[in-house]
N, C-alpha and C. Protein backbone atom coordinates (compact mmCIF):
# COMPACT_ATOMS: atom_id res chain seq x y z
N MET A 1 -117.40 114.67 -44.90
CA MET A 1 -116.66 113.83 -45.87
C MET A 1 -116.47 114.36 -47.09
N ILE A 2 -116.79 115.02 -47.42
CA ILE A 2 -116.54 116.27 -48.37
C ILE A 2 -115.50 117.44 -48.37
N GLY A 3 -115.53 117.89 -47.04
CA GLY A 3 -113.69 118.25 -46.31
C GLY A 3 -112.70 117.55 -46.96
N PHE A 4 -113.05 116.03 -46.16
CA PHE A 4 -112.04 114.86 -46.41
C PHE A 4 -111.70 115.28 -47.91
N MET A 5 -112.68 114.85 -48.80
CA MET A 5 -111.99 115.01 -50.16
C MET A 5 -111.23 116.06 -51.02
N LYS A 6 -111.84 117.47 -50.29
CA LYS A 6 -111.21 118.46 -51.01
C LYS A 6 -109.53 118.59 -50.37
N LYS A 7 -109.94 118.48 -49.88
CA LYS A 7 -108.41 118.48 -48.77
C LYS A 7 -107.70 117.07 -49.68
N ASP A 8 -107.92 116.22 -49.98
CA ASP A 8 -107.12 115.07 -50.79
C ASP A 8 -107.03 115.77 -52.47
N LEU A 9 -107.90 116.32 -52.58
CA LEU A 9 -107.93 116.45 -54.09
C LEU A 9 -106.89 117.97 -54.65
N ALA A 10 -107.07 118.83 -52.70
CA ALA A 10 -105.94 119.99 -52.57
C ALA A 10 -104.18 119.53 -53.09
N MET A 11 -104.09 118.43 -51.82
CA MET A 11 -102.68 118.58 -52.16
C MET A 11 -102.29 117.45 -53.38
N MET A 12 -103.50 116.95 -54.16
CA MET A 12 -103.03 116.44 -55.23
C MET A 12 -102.56 116.92 -56.33
N LYS A 13 -102.75 118.53 -56.05
CA LYS A 13 -102.94 119.30 -57.30
C LYS A 13 -101.46 119.82 -58.20
N SER A 14 -100.49 119.66 -57.28
CA SER A 14 -99.64 119.57 -58.57
C SER A 14 -99.09 118.83 -59.34
N ASN A 15 -99.58 117.08 -58.28
CA ASN A 15 -99.12 116.43 -59.08
C ASN A 15 -100.21 116.00 -60.59
N LEU A 16 -101.38 116.38 -60.43
CA LEU A 16 -102.00 116.65 -61.07
C LEU A 16 -101.39 116.99 -63.07
N LYS A 17 -100.34 117.30 -62.69
CA LYS A 17 -99.97 118.31 -63.78
C LYS A 17 -99.30 116.86 -63.77
N LEU A 18 -98.62 116.05 -63.97
CA LEU A 18 -97.89 114.98 -64.15
C LEU A 18 -98.58 114.03 -65.23
N ILE A 19 -100.10 114.11 -64.66
CA ILE A 19 -101.09 113.11 -65.21
C ILE A 19 -101.67 114.25 -66.39
N GLY A 20 -101.72 115.45 -66.48
CA GLY A 20 -101.49 116.30 -67.85
C GLY A 20 -100.85 116.40 -68.90
N VAL A 21 -99.63 115.90 -68.19
CA VAL A 21 -98.14 115.79 -69.27
C VAL A 21 -98.64 114.34 -69.83
N LEU A 22 -98.88 113.34 -69.04
CA LEU A 22 -98.95 112.04 -70.03
C LEU A 22 -100.19 112.06 -70.37
N ILE A 23 -100.87 112.60 -70.12
CA ILE A 23 -102.32 112.94 -71.76
C ILE A 23 -101.98 113.49 -72.97
N VAL A 24 -100.58 114.79 -72.53
CA VAL A 24 -100.47 114.98 -73.67
C VAL A 24 -99.66 113.87 -74.54
N VAL A 25 -98.27 112.97 -73.69
CA VAL A 25 -97.31 112.21 -74.50
C VAL A 25 -98.39 111.21 -74.73
N TYR A 26 -99.53 110.01 -74.22
CA TYR A 26 -100.49 109.65 -74.54
C TYR A 26 -101.02 110.12 -76.17
N ALA A 27 -101.74 111.23 -75.71
CA ALA A 27 -101.94 111.75 -77.30
C ALA A 27 -101.00 112.13 -78.51
N ILE A 28 -100.14 112.41 -78.44
CA ILE A 28 -98.29 112.00 -79.07
C ILE A 28 -98.36 111.21 -79.69
N MET A 29 -97.92 110.08 -78.61
CA MET A 29 -97.89 108.72 -78.77
C MET A 29 -98.97 108.27 -80.17
N GLY A 30 -100.09 108.26 -79.58
CA GLY A 30 -101.17 107.47 -80.22
C GLY A 30 -101.20 108.44 -81.99
N LEU A 31 -101.00 109.67 -81.87
CA LEU A 31 -101.26 110.09 -82.91
C LEU A 31 -100.45 109.35 -83.84
N MET A 32 -98.89 109.11 -83.15
CA MET A 32 -98.19 108.72 -84.25
C MET A 32 -97.69 107.26 -84.44
N GLY A 33 -99.12 106.49 -83.76
CA GLY A 33 -98.99 105.10 -84.32
C GLY A 33 -98.41 104.70 -83.11
N GLU A 34 -97.68 105.57 -81.94
CA GLU A 34 -96.99 104.41 -81.36
C GLU A 34 -97.63 103.23 -80.33
N MET A 35 -97.31 102.61 -79.21
CA MET A 35 -97.57 101.86 -78.34
C MET A 35 -98.61 102.64 -77.66
N ASP A 36 -99.68 101.59 -77.02
CA ASP A 36 -100.80 102.33 -76.53
C ASP A 36 -100.28 102.75 -74.29
N ILE A 37 -100.15 104.05 -74.43
CA ILE A 37 -100.15 103.89 -72.76
C ILE A 37 -101.70 103.98 -72.05
N SER A 38 -102.89 104.36 -72.49
CA SER A 38 -103.60 104.62 -72.10
C SER A 38 -103.77 104.35 -70.54
N PHE A 39 -103.70 102.69 -70.41
CA PHE A 39 -103.51 101.42 -69.03
C PHE A 39 -103.08 102.44 -68.18
N ILE A 40 -101.39 103.20 -68.30
CA ILE A 40 -100.84 103.89 -67.12
C ILE A 40 -100.94 104.89 -66.71
N LEU A 41 -102.15 105.64 -67.17
CA LEU A 41 -103.00 106.91 -66.68
C LEU A 41 -104.19 106.86 -65.23
N PRO A 42 -104.65 105.79 -65.14
CA PRO A 42 -105.46 105.42 -64.27
C PRO A 42 -104.73 104.96 -63.17
N PHE A 43 -103.33 104.26 -63.38
CA PHE A 43 -102.58 103.63 -62.78
C PHE A 43 -101.92 104.39 -61.77
N MET A 44 -101.43 105.74 -62.95
CA MET A 44 -100.36 106.54 -61.61
C MET A 44 -101.90 107.59 -60.80
N SER A 45 -102.80 107.55 -61.66
CA SER A 45 -103.72 109.09 -60.64
C SER A 45 -104.11 107.66 -58.97
N VAL A 46 -103.96 106.24 -59.25
CA VAL A 46 -103.94 105.39 -57.93
C VAL A 46 -102.37 105.92 -57.43
N MET A 47 -101.31 105.61 -57.39
CA MET A 47 -99.72 106.30 -57.27
C MET A 47 -99.80 107.83 -56.46
N ILE A 48 -100.79 108.63 -57.88
CA ILE A 48 -101.06 110.08 -56.94
C ILE A 48 -101.91 109.92 -55.88
N MET A 49 -103.15 109.16 -55.70
CA MET A 49 -103.95 109.70 -54.09
C MET A 49 -102.32 108.28 -53.37
N ILE A 50 -101.83 107.61 -53.24
CA ILE A 50 -101.40 107.17 -52.60
C ILE A 50 -100.70 108.37 -52.19
N SER A 51 -100.27 108.89 -53.04
CA SER A 51 -98.75 110.11 -52.05
C SER A 51 -99.55 110.82 -50.90
N THR A 52 -100.41 110.85 -51.12
CA THR A 52 -101.37 111.36 -49.78
C THR A 52 -101.29 111.61 -48.58
N PHE A 53 -101.18 110.05 -48.66
CA PHE A 53 -100.90 108.69 -47.65
C PHE A 53 -99.74 109.31 -47.17
N SER A 54 -98.56 109.87 -47.17
CA SER A 54 -97.58 110.12 -46.77
C SER A 54 -97.08 112.35 -46.27
N TYR A 55 -98.69 112.92 -47.34
CA TYR A 55 -99.03 113.86 -47.00
C TYR A 55 -99.62 114.03 -45.69
N ASP A 56 -100.39 112.99 -45.10
CA ASP A 56 -100.71 113.05 -44.13
C ASP A 56 -100.20 112.81 -42.78
N ASN A 57 -99.32 111.61 -43.17
CA ASN A 57 -97.97 111.10 -41.82
C ASN A 57 -97.97 112.47 -41.35
N TYR A 58 -96.90 113.73 -42.45
CA TYR A 58 -95.99 114.37 -42.50
C TYR A 58 -96.80 115.59 -41.49
N ASN A 59 -97.76 115.79 -42.34
CA ASN A 59 -98.49 116.73 -41.54
C ASN A 59 -99.23 116.12 -40.13
N GLN A 60 -99.25 115.30 -39.74
CA GLN A 60 -99.77 114.55 -38.71
C GLN A 60 -101.84 114.55 -38.56
N TRP A 61 -101.84 114.60 -39.98
CA TRP A 61 -103.26 114.83 -40.71
C TRP A 61 -104.54 113.97 -39.40
N ASP A 62 -103.81 112.60 -39.43
CA ASP A 62 -104.83 111.37 -38.57
C ASP A 62 -104.52 111.82 -37.63
N ALA A 63 -103.99 112.07 -36.90
CA ALA A 63 -104.01 112.80 -35.09
C ALA A 63 -105.47 113.35 -35.37
N TYR A 64 -105.60 114.62 -36.20
CA TYR A 64 -106.48 115.49 -36.09
C TYR A 64 -107.40 115.33 -36.63
N SER A 65 -107.67 114.18 -37.98
CA SER A 65 -109.21 114.31 -38.31
C SER A 65 -110.07 112.81 -37.63
N ILE A 66 -109.50 112.88 -36.78
CA ILE A 66 -109.69 111.79 -35.20
C ILE A 66 -110.98 112.54 -34.57
N SER A 67 -110.86 113.58 -34.46
CA SER A 67 -110.54 114.91 -33.16
C SER A 67 -112.55 115.34 -33.76
N LEU A 68 -112.56 114.80 -34.82
CA LEU A 68 -113.56 115.37 -35.85
C LEU A 68 -114.45 114.84 -36.22
N PRO A 69 -115.89 114.95 -35.97
CA PRO A 69 -117.38 114.24 -35.91
C PRO A 69 -116.92 112.79 -36.74
N ASN A 70 -116.74 112.05 -36.44
CA ASN A 70 -117.16 110.62 -37.82
C ASN A 70 -115.75 110.42 -38.43
N GLY A 71 -114.74 111.57 -37.50
CA GLY A 71 -113.53 111.61 -38.58
C GLY A 71 -113.02 110.56 -38.77
N ARG A 72 -112.49 108.54 -38.31
CA ARG A 72 -112.54 108.13 -38.55
C ARG A 72 -112.75 107.74 -39.96
N LYS A 73 -114.30 107.67 -39.99
CA LYS A 73 -115.36 106.47 -40.86
C LYS A 73 -114.65 107.65 -41.74
N ASN A 74 -115.27 109.19 -42.41
CA ASN A 74 -115.05 109.77 -43.82
C ASN A 74 -113.89 109.82 -43.73
N SER A 75 -112.56 109.44 -42.93
CA SER A 75 -111.29 109.94 -43.72
C SER A 75 -111.17 108.97 -44.27
N VAL A 76 -111.66 107.78 -43.91
CA VAL A 76 -110.80 106.57 -44.86
C VAL A 76 -112.28 106.63 -46.28
N LYS A 77 -113.63 106.88 -45.72
CA LYS A 77 -114.36 106.63 -46.76
C LYS A 77 -114.15 107.32 -47.87
N ALA A 78 -113.42 108.72 -47.58
CA ALA A 78 -113.32 110.22 -48.16
C ALA A 78 -111.71 109.58 -49.81
N LYS A 79 -110.98 109.05 -48.91
CA LYS A 79 -109.92 108.61 -49.58
C LYS A 79 -110.47 107.39 -51.09
N TYR A 80 -111.28 106.56 -50.57
CA TYR A 80 -111.25 105.67 -51.52
C TYR A 80 -112.45 106.19 -52.65
N VAL A 81 -113.62 107.14 -52.15
CA VAL A 81 -114.02 107.86 -52.93
C VAL A 81 -113.42 109.10 -53.86
N ALA A 82 -112.44 109.02 -53.22
CA ALA A 82 -111.63 110.39 -54.19
C ALA A 82 -111.01 109.94 -55.17
N THR A 83 -110.30 108.41 -54.84
CA THR A 83 -108.95 107.70 -56.18
C THR A 83 -110.31 106.73 -56.58
N ILE A 84 -111.45 106.45 -56.47
CA ILE A 84 -112.45 105.83 -57.47
C ILE A 84 -112.98 106.41 -58.84
N LEU A 85 -113.24 108.17 -58.15
CA LEU A 85 -113.92 109.04 -58.76
C LEU A 85 -112.46 109.56 -59.79
N MET A 86 -111.18 109.70 -58.71
CA MET A 86 -109.77 109.43 -59.82
C MET A 86 -110.08 108.65 -61.01
N ILE A 87 -110.02 108.04 -60.54
CA ILE A 87 -109.58 106.27 -61.56
C ILE A 87 -110.21 106.50 -63.02
N LEU A 88 -111.97 106.59 -62.43
CA LEU A 88 -113.69 106.78 -63.29
C LEU A 88 -113.00 108.20 -64.33
N ALA A 89 -112.43 109.12 -64.17
CA ALA A 89 -112.27 111.06 -64.90
C ALA A 89 -111.69 111.01 -65.14
N ILE A 90 -109.97 109.93 -65.01
CA ILE A 90 -108.94 110.27 -66.29
C ILE A 90 -109.17 108.71 -67.13
N SER A 91 -109.55 107.68 -66.53
CA SER A 91 -110.49 106.22 -67.51
C SER A 91 -111.42 106.91 -68.41
N ILE A 92 -112.55 108.15 -68.24
CA ILE A 92 -113.35 108.74 -69.49
C ILE A 92 -112.52 109.58 -70.17
N ILE A 93 -111.46 110.34 -69.97
CA ILE A 93 -110.54 111.09 -70.31
C ILE A 93 -109.84 110.15 -72.25
N THR A 94 -109.81 109.39 -70.72
CA THR A 94 -108.07 108.82 -71.98
C THR A 94 -109.10 107.73 -73.39
N THR A 95 -110.91 107.29 -72.74
CA THR A 95 -110.93 106.73 -73.15
C THR A 95 -111.80 107.52 -74.93
N ILE A 96 -111.60 108.55 -73.85
CA ILE A 96 -112.49 110.20 -75.30
C ILE A 96 -111.43 109.84 -76.13
N LEU A 97 -109.94 110.38 -75.71
CA LEU A 97 -109.30 110.53 -76.82
C LEU A 97 -108.87 109.36 -77.98
N SER A 98 -108.69 107.51 -76.88
CA SER A 98 -109.33 106.96 -77.66
C SER A 98 -109.97 107.12 -78.62
N PHE A 99 -110.82 107.74 -79.01
CA PHE A 99 -111.75 107.30 -80.18
C PHE A 99 -111.55 108.63 -80.72
N MET A 100 -110.83 109.91 -80.61
CA MET A 100 -110.07 111.06 -81.25
C MET A 100 -109.29 109.95 -81.90
N ILE A 101 -108.40 109.85 -81.59
CA ILE A 101 -106.96 108.95 -81.78
C ILE A 101 -107.64 108.33 -83.05
N SER A 102 -108.00 107.17 -83.17
CA SER A 102 -108.26 106.25 -83.71
C SER A 102 -109.82 107.39 -84.99
N TYR A 103 -110.47 107.53 -84.55
CA TYR A 103 -110.39 108.07 -85.94
C TYR A 103 -109.96 109.04 -86.35
N MET A 104 -109.05 109.83 -85.79
CA MET A 104 -107.77 110.31 -86.99
C MET A 104 -106.26 109.74 -87.90
N ASN A 105 -106.77 108.76 -87.19
CA ASN A 105 -105.56 107.89 -87.75
C ASN A 105 -106.47 106.73 -89.50
N THR A 106 -107.97 106.13 -88.40
CA THR A 106 -108.15 105.11 -89.39
C THR A 106 -110.00 105.55 -89.96
N LYS A 107 -109.83 106.91 -89.39
CA LYS A 107 -111.30 107.20 -90.01
C LYS A 107 -112.30 106.34 -89.15
N THR A 108 -112.20 106.04 -88.19
CA THR A 108 -113.20 104.34 -87.72
C THR A 108 -112.50 104.42 -86.71
N ILE A 109 -114.10 104.08 -85.07
CA ILE A 109 -113.62 104.00 -84.16
C ILE A 109 -114.39 102.20 -83.27
N PRO A 110 -113.17 101.50 -83.18
CA PRO A 110 -113.75 100.34 -83.42
C PRO A 110 -114.11 101.19 -81.10
N TYR A 111 -115.65 100.86 -81.20
CA TYR A 111 -115.74 101.62 -79.69
C TYR A 111 -115.78 100.52 -78.64
N GLU A 112 -116.66 98.61 -78.87
CA GLU A 112 -115.85 97.50 -78.86
C GLU A 112 -114.74 97.70 -77.46
N GLN A 113 -113.78 97.27 -79.02
CA GLN A 113 -112.76 97.24 -78.46
C GLN A 113 -112.19 98.06 -77.04
N ILE A 114 -112.15 99.38 -77.47
CA ILE A 114 -112.36 100.99 -76.06
C ILE A 114 -112.29 100.52 -75.01
N LEU A 115 -113.75 100.20 -75.21
CA LEU A 115 -114.71 100.36 -74.49
C LEU A 115 -114.02 98.89 -73.61
N ILE A 116 -113.54 97.90 -73.62
CA ILE A 116 -113.70 96.41 -73.34
C ILE A 116 -111.96 96.37 -72.51
N SER A 117 -111.38 97.77 -73.10
CA SER A 117 -109.65 97.88 -72.82
C SER A 117 -110.32 98.92 -71.71
N MET A 118 -110.59 99.72 -71.39
CA MET A 118 -111.43 100.70 -70.55
C MET A 118 -111.77 100.00 -68.91
N PHE A 119 -112.51 99.27 -69.79
CA PHE A 119 -113.16 98.31 -67.97
C PHE A 119 -112.03 97.38 -67.48
N GLY A 120 -110.97 96.78 -69.11
CA GLY A 120 -109.88 95.91 -68.04
C GLY A 120 -109.34 96.81 -67.42
N THR A 121 -109.03 97.96 -67.71
CA THR A 121 -107.96 99.40 -67.17
C THR A 121 -108.73 99.60 -65.65
N ILE A 122 -110.09 99.79 -65.92
CA ILE A 122 -110.80 100.27 -64.71
C ILE A 122 -110.57 98.77 -63.32
N PHE A 123 -111.38 97.94 -63.73
CA PHE A 123 -111.39 96.67 -62.68
C PHE A 123 -109.22 96.14 -62.44
N GLY A 124 -108.59 96.74 -63.55
CA GLY A 124 -106.85 96.51 -62.65
C GLY A 124 -106.70 97.53 -61.45
N THR A 125 -107.06 98.70 -62.09
CA THR A 125 -106.36 99.47 -61.45
C THR A 125 -107.37 99.53 -59.62
N LEU A 126 -108.52 99.26 -59.74
CA LEU A 126 -109.29 98.53 -58.54
C LEU A 126 -108.91 97.90 -57.50
N LEU A 127 -108.49 96.80 -58.43
CA LEU A 127 -107.76 95.34 -57.97
C LEU A 127 -106.19 95.94 -57.27
N VAL A 128 -105.41 97.04 -57.36
CA VAL A 128 -104.03 98.10 -57.14
C VAL A 128 -105.02 98.51 -55.61
N LEU A 129 -105.86 98.95 -55.97
CA LEU A 129 -106.46 100.01 -54.81
C LEU A 129 -106.89 99.20 -53.20
N THR A 130 -107.40 97.81 -53.83
CA THR A 130 -107.71 97.36 -53.06
C THR A 130 -106.61 96.28 -51.83
N PHE A 131 -105.74 96.00 -52.60
CA PHE A 131 -104.87 95.46 -51.98
C PHE A 131 -104.05 96.54 -50.92
N MET A 132 -103.58 97.96 -51.75
CA MET A 132 -103.02 98.34 -51.40
C MET A 132 -103.19 99.52 -50.89
N TYR A 133 -104.30 99.87 -50.12
CA TYR A 133 -105.17 100.44 -49.45
C TYR A 133 -105.26 100.33 -47.82
N PRO A 134 -105.53 98.50 -47.61
CA PRO A 134 -105.66 97.87 -46.90
C PRO A 134 -104.42 98.39 -45.70
N ILE A 135 -103.24 97.76 -46.75
CA ILE A 135 -102.44 97.40 -45.89
C ILE A 135 -101.32 98.97 -46.04
N ILE A 136 -101.96 99.73 -46.40
CA ILE A 136 -100.95 101.48 -46.33
C ILE A 136 -102.08 101.14 -44.84
N TYR A 137 -103.14 101.21 -44.52
CA TYR A 137 -103.21 101.22 -42.99
C TYR A 137 -103.43 101.02 -41.87
N LYS A 138 -102.54 100.03 -42.32
CA LYS A 138 -101.72 98.72 -41.75
C LYS A 138 -100.18 99.73 -41.02
N PHE A 139 -99.81 99.22 -41.99
CA PHE A 139 -98.09 99.56 -41.83
C PHE A 139 -97.74 100.93 -42.40
N GLY A 140 -99.02 101.47 -43.00
CA GLY A 140 -98.30 103.21 -43.42
C GLY A 140 -97.85 102.75 -45.31
N VAL A 141 -96.91 103.80 -45.36
CA VAL A 141 -97.09 103.72 -47.19
C VAL A 141 -95.70 103.06 -47.40
N GLU A 142 -94.41 103.31 -46.68
CA GLU A 142 -93.63 102.69 -47.17
C GLU A 142 -92.95 101.66 -46.78
N LYS A 143 -93.82 100.67 -45.48
CA LYS A 143 -94.05 99.57 -46.04
C LYS A 143 -94.26 98.88 -46.29
N ALA A 144 -96.03 99.91 -46.80
CA ALA A 144 -96.62 99.31 -47.96
C ALA A 144 -96.09 98.90 -49.08
N ARG A 145 -94.71 99.74 -49.67
CA ARG A 145 -94.96 99.54 -51.10
C ARG A 145 -93.73 98.28 -51.31
N ILE A 146 -93.13 98.69 -50.58
CA ILE A 146 -92.08 97.04 -50.24
C ILE A 146 -92.77 96.16 -49.93
N GLY A 147 -93.76 95.57 -48.85
CA GLY A 147 -94.84 94.37 -49.54
C GLY A 147 -95.04 94.25 -50.23
N ILE A 148 -95.60 95.18 -51.10
CA ILE A 148 -96.70 94.67 -52.58
C ILE A 148 -95.16 94.23 -53.01
N PHE A 149 -94.54 95.16 -53.00
CA PHE A 149 -92.99 94.36 -54.20
C PHE A 149 -93.15 93.12 -53.84
N LEU A 150 -92.61 92.80 -53.17
CA LEU A 150 -92.63 91.76 -52.66
C LEU A 150 -93.66 90.65 -52.43
N ILE A 151 -94.46 90.87 -51.86
CA ILE A 151 -96.09 89.94 -52.33
C ILE A 151 -96.01 90.22 -54.47
N VAL A 152 -95.72 90.97 -55.25
CA VAL A 152 -96.20 90.82 -56.62
C VAL A 152 -94.99 90.03 -57.26
N PHE A 153 -93.68 90.30 -56.23
CA PHE A 153 -93.18 89.69 -57.56
C PHE A 153 -92.71 88.27 -56.52
N GLY A 154 -93.14 87.55 -55.36
CA GLY A 154 -93.10 85.80 -55.18
C GLY A 154 -94.76 85.58 -55.82
N LEU A 155 -95.56 86.49 -56.12
CA LEU A 155 -96.43 85.86 -57.34
C LEU A 155 -96.21 85.21 -58.32
N VAL A 156 -95.22 86.61 -58.93
CA VAL A 156 -94.85 86.26 -60.40
C VAL A 156 -93.31 84.78 -60.24
N MET A 157 -92.89 84.81 -59.90
CA MET A 157 -91.91 83.91 -59.28
C MET A 157 -92.80 82.89 -59.42
N ILE A 158 -93.85 82.61 -58.37
CA ILE A 158 -94.56 81.26 -57.81
C ILE A 158 -95.23 81.19 -59.53
N GLY A 159 -95.63 82.37 -60.40
CA GLY A 159 -96.63 82.24 -61.75
C GLY A 159 -95.95 81.42 -62.89
N GLY A 160 -94.97 81.52 -62.69
CA GLY A 160 -93.25 81.39 -63.50
C GLY A 160 -93.68 80.37 -63.21
N PHE A 161 -93.21 79.55 -62.09
CA PHE A 161 -92.81 78.27 -61.77
C PHE A 161 -93.63 76.86 -61.90
N LEU A 162 -95.27 77.79 -61.99
CA LEU A 162 -96.12 76.90 -61.88
C LEU A 162 -96.86 76.50 -63.35
N SER A 163 -96.49 77.54 -63.76
CA SER A 163 -97.31 78.07 -64.98
C SER A 163 -96.83 76.50 -65.98
N PRO A 164 -95.52 75.87 -66.08
CA PRO A 164 -96.13 74.78 -67.02
C PRO A 164 -96.68 73.38 -66.84
N TYR A 165 -97.22 73.35 -65.25
CA TYR A 165 -98.15 72.41 -65.33
C TYR A 165 -99.50 72.59 -64.56
N ILE A 166 -99.91 73.97 -65.14
CA ILE A 166 -101.09 74.01 -65.34
C ILE A 166 -101.43 74.19 -66.45
N ASN A 167 -102.42 73.66 -66.36
CA ASN A 167 -103.84 73.24 -67.54
C ASN A 167 -104.64 74.78 -68.19
N LEU A 168 -104.16 75.65 -68.52
CA LEU A 168 -105.55 76.66 -69.00
C LEU A 168 -106.24 76.26 -70.08
N SER A 169 -106.61 75.24 -70.57
CA SER A 169 -107.76 75.65 -71.41
C SER A 169 -109.25 75.30 -70.84
N TRP A 170 -108.75 74.84 -69.24
CA TRP A 170 -110.61 75.05 -69.09
C TRP A 170 -111.22 76.52 -68.47
N ILE A 171 -109.89 77.21 -68.05
CA ILE A 171 -110.03 78.90 -67.76
C ILE A 171 -110.34 79.33 -69.30
N VAL A 172 -109.68 79.37 -70.13
CA VAL A 172 -110.38 79.11 -71.68
C VAL A 172 -111.46 79.54 -72.54
N LYS A 173 -111.95 78.24 -71.61
CA LYS A 173 -113.49 77.44 -71.71
C LYS A 173 -113.96 78.58 -71.18
N VAL A 174 -113.77 78.67 -69.99
CA VAL A 174 -114.70 79.28 -68.96
C VAL A 174 -115.02 80.45 -69.63
N LEU A 175 -114.03 81.78 -70.00
CA LEU A 175 -114.13 83.02 -70.35
C LEU A 175 -115.14 83.26 -71.90
N SER A 176 -114.65 82.02 -72.54
CA SER A 176 -115.56 81.75 -73.35
C SER A 176 -117.17 82.15 -73.44
N PHE A 177 -117.67 80.90 -72.48
CA PHE A 177 -118.77 80.39 -71.94
C PHE A 177 -119.21 82.35 -70.95
N LEU A 178 -118.66 82.88 -70.64
CA LEU A 178 -118.71 84.43 -69.93
C LEU A 178 -119.04 85.26 -70.66
N GLU A 179 -118.15 85.36 -71.76
CA GLU A 179 -118.01 86.56 -72.61
C GLU A 179 -118.92 87.48 -72.27
N ASP A 180 -120.08 86.61 -73.13
CA ASP A 180 -120.80 88.05 -73.00
C ASP A 180 -121.41 89.02 -71.31
N TYR A 181 -121.03 87.65 -70.46
CA TYR A 181 -121.28 88.60 -69.18
C TYR A 181 -120.54 89.07 -68.60
N LEU A 182 -118.80 89.14 -69.16
CA LEU A 182 -118.23 89.35 -68.72
C LEU A 182 -117.27 90.49 -67.99
N ILE A 183 -118.38 91.89 -68.81
CA ILE A 183 -117.76 93.08 -68.13
C ILE A 183 -118.95 93.40 -66.70
N ILE A 184 -120.39 92.37 -67.16
CA ILE A 184 -120.77 92.84 -65.78
C ILE A 184 -120.04 92.10 -64.66
N ILE A 185 -119.98 90.80 -64.68
CA ILE A 185 -119.27 89.58 -63.64
C ILE A 185 -118.11 90.86 -62.93
N LEU A 186 -117.19 91.40 -64.08
CA LEU A 186 -116.11 92.33 -63.35
C LEU A 186 -117.03 93.76 -62.87
N ILE A 187 -118.09 94.22 -62.80
CA ILE A 187 -118.26 95.63 -62.02
C ILE A 187 -118.79 94.70 -60.99
N ILE A 188 -119.42 93.36 -61.16
CA ILE A 188 -119.79 93.25 -59.83
C ILE A 188 -118.92 93.07 -58.91
N ILE A 189 -118.09 91.79 -59.19
CA ILE A 189 -116.58 91.59 -58.60
C ILE A 189 -116.15 92.92 -58.21
N ALA A 190 -115.66 93.69 -58.87
CA ALA A 190 -115.47 95.44 -58.50
C ALA A 190 -115.84 96.17 -57.43
N ILE A 191 -116.99 96.04 -57.46
CA ILE A 191 -117.32 96.30 -55.99
C ILE A 191 -117.69 96.26 -55.18
N MET A 192 -118.42 94.70 -55.26
CA MET A 192 -117.88 93.55 -53.73
C MET A 192 -116.46 93.86 -53.32
N MET A 193 -114.86 94.64 -54.23
CA MET A 193 -113.90 94.44 -53.96
C MET A 193 -113.61 95.15 -53.71
N VAL A 194 -113.68 96.33 -53.94
CA VAL A 194 -113.56 97.34 -53.22
C VAL A 194 -114.92 97.54 -51.96
N TYR A 195 -115.60 97.47 -51.70
CA TYR A 195 -116.39 97.13 -50.78
C TYR A 195 -115.86 96.62 -49.46
N LEU A 196 -115.37 95.19 -49.48
CA LEU A 196 -114.81 94.46 -48.70
C LEU A 196 -113.14 95.19 -48.56
N SER A 197 -112.48 95.64 -49.12
CA SER A 197 -111.52 96.51 -49.06
C SER A 197 -111.78 98.16 -48.55
N TYR A 198 -112.70 98.33 -48.38
CA TYR A 198 -112.93 99.46 -47.72
C TYR A 198 -113.66 99.27 -45.85
N LYS A 199 -113.93 98.51 -45.38
CA LYS A 199 -114.78 98.04 -44.62
C LYS A 199 -113.11 97.34 -43.84
N ILE A 200 -112.08 96.32 -44.57
CA ILE A 200 -110.82 96.10 -43.32
C ILE A 200 -109.83 97.63 -42.97
N SER A 201 -110.00 98.93 -44.50
CA SER A 201 -109.67 99.75 -44.27
C SER A 201 -110.16 100.68 -42.66
N GLU A 202 -111.49 100.20 -43.27
CA GLU A 202 -112.35 101.23 -41.69
C GLU A 202 -112.11 100.57 -40.42
N LYS A 203 -111.91 99.55 -40.34
CA LYS A 203 -111.92 98.42 -39.62
C LYS A 203 -110.36 98.68 -38.04
N ILE A 204 -109.10 98.59 -39.93
CA ILE A 204 -107.77 98.89 -39.41
C ILE A 204 -107.92 99.84 -38.88
N PHE A 205 -108.09 100.94 -39.50
CA PHE A 205 -108.07 102.42 -38.67
C PHE A 205 -108.90 102.96 -37.65
N ASP A 206 -110.27 102.43 -37.73
CA ASP A 206 -111.09 102.42 -36.11
C ASP A 206 -110.18 102.06 -34.91
N LYS A 207 -109.11 101.08 -34.94
CA LYS A 207 -108.03 100.75 -34.21
C LYS A 207 -107.13 101.57 -33.73
N LYS A 208 -106.97 102.27 -34.57
CA LYS A 208 -105.35 102.73 -34.35
C LYS A 208 -105.15 103.57 -33.92
N GLU A 209 -104.24 103.77 -33.38
CA GLU A 209 -103.64 104.65 -31.86
C GLU A 209 -102.75 105.88 -32.66
N PHE A 210 -102.71 107.18 -31.97
CA PHE A 210 -102.39 107.70 -32.92
C PHE A 210 -101.71 109.18 -31.09
């Protein structure tokens, strides 16, 4: 599996420059007191990882990988592990930068606020991963992008239509009740989502013919 991960990270090498540029932009904007774009960086890492599917398809990597020992399982596992490591690495970097920027601007560090923001971003990014990867394995990158756009657009439209008729007070009460355990709950949900997504992707890829 390590070899599969090295292959993905090698393909990402040129795209990592974009992450580096965004980190610099985030640092500059943070020091200038502009809007916080730290949440964008982990999402960009997922988008960059998704681009490796296109490289795999172009170079017919999947047809080759299945000829290797446990090639199908290791190929899927490597994608998930490499993506999660990228998300965590970028999130840690942006969190450290947030601490530094906050201290330089205000001489204080709102640890709780920054850490909650980091966990929320990681959770949201993993949510994108869990939805997109099975769809990509099933339909390919291009069709998956169109499908995700239609799903998100449809959900936004449905949410906008139903929002006047939904009473959100009970949701606020539940979140207030779970506030002390929210991070733990999010971690458990994230692990379950990623595992389920991985097993679905594994099953799809296992049945795929090349």
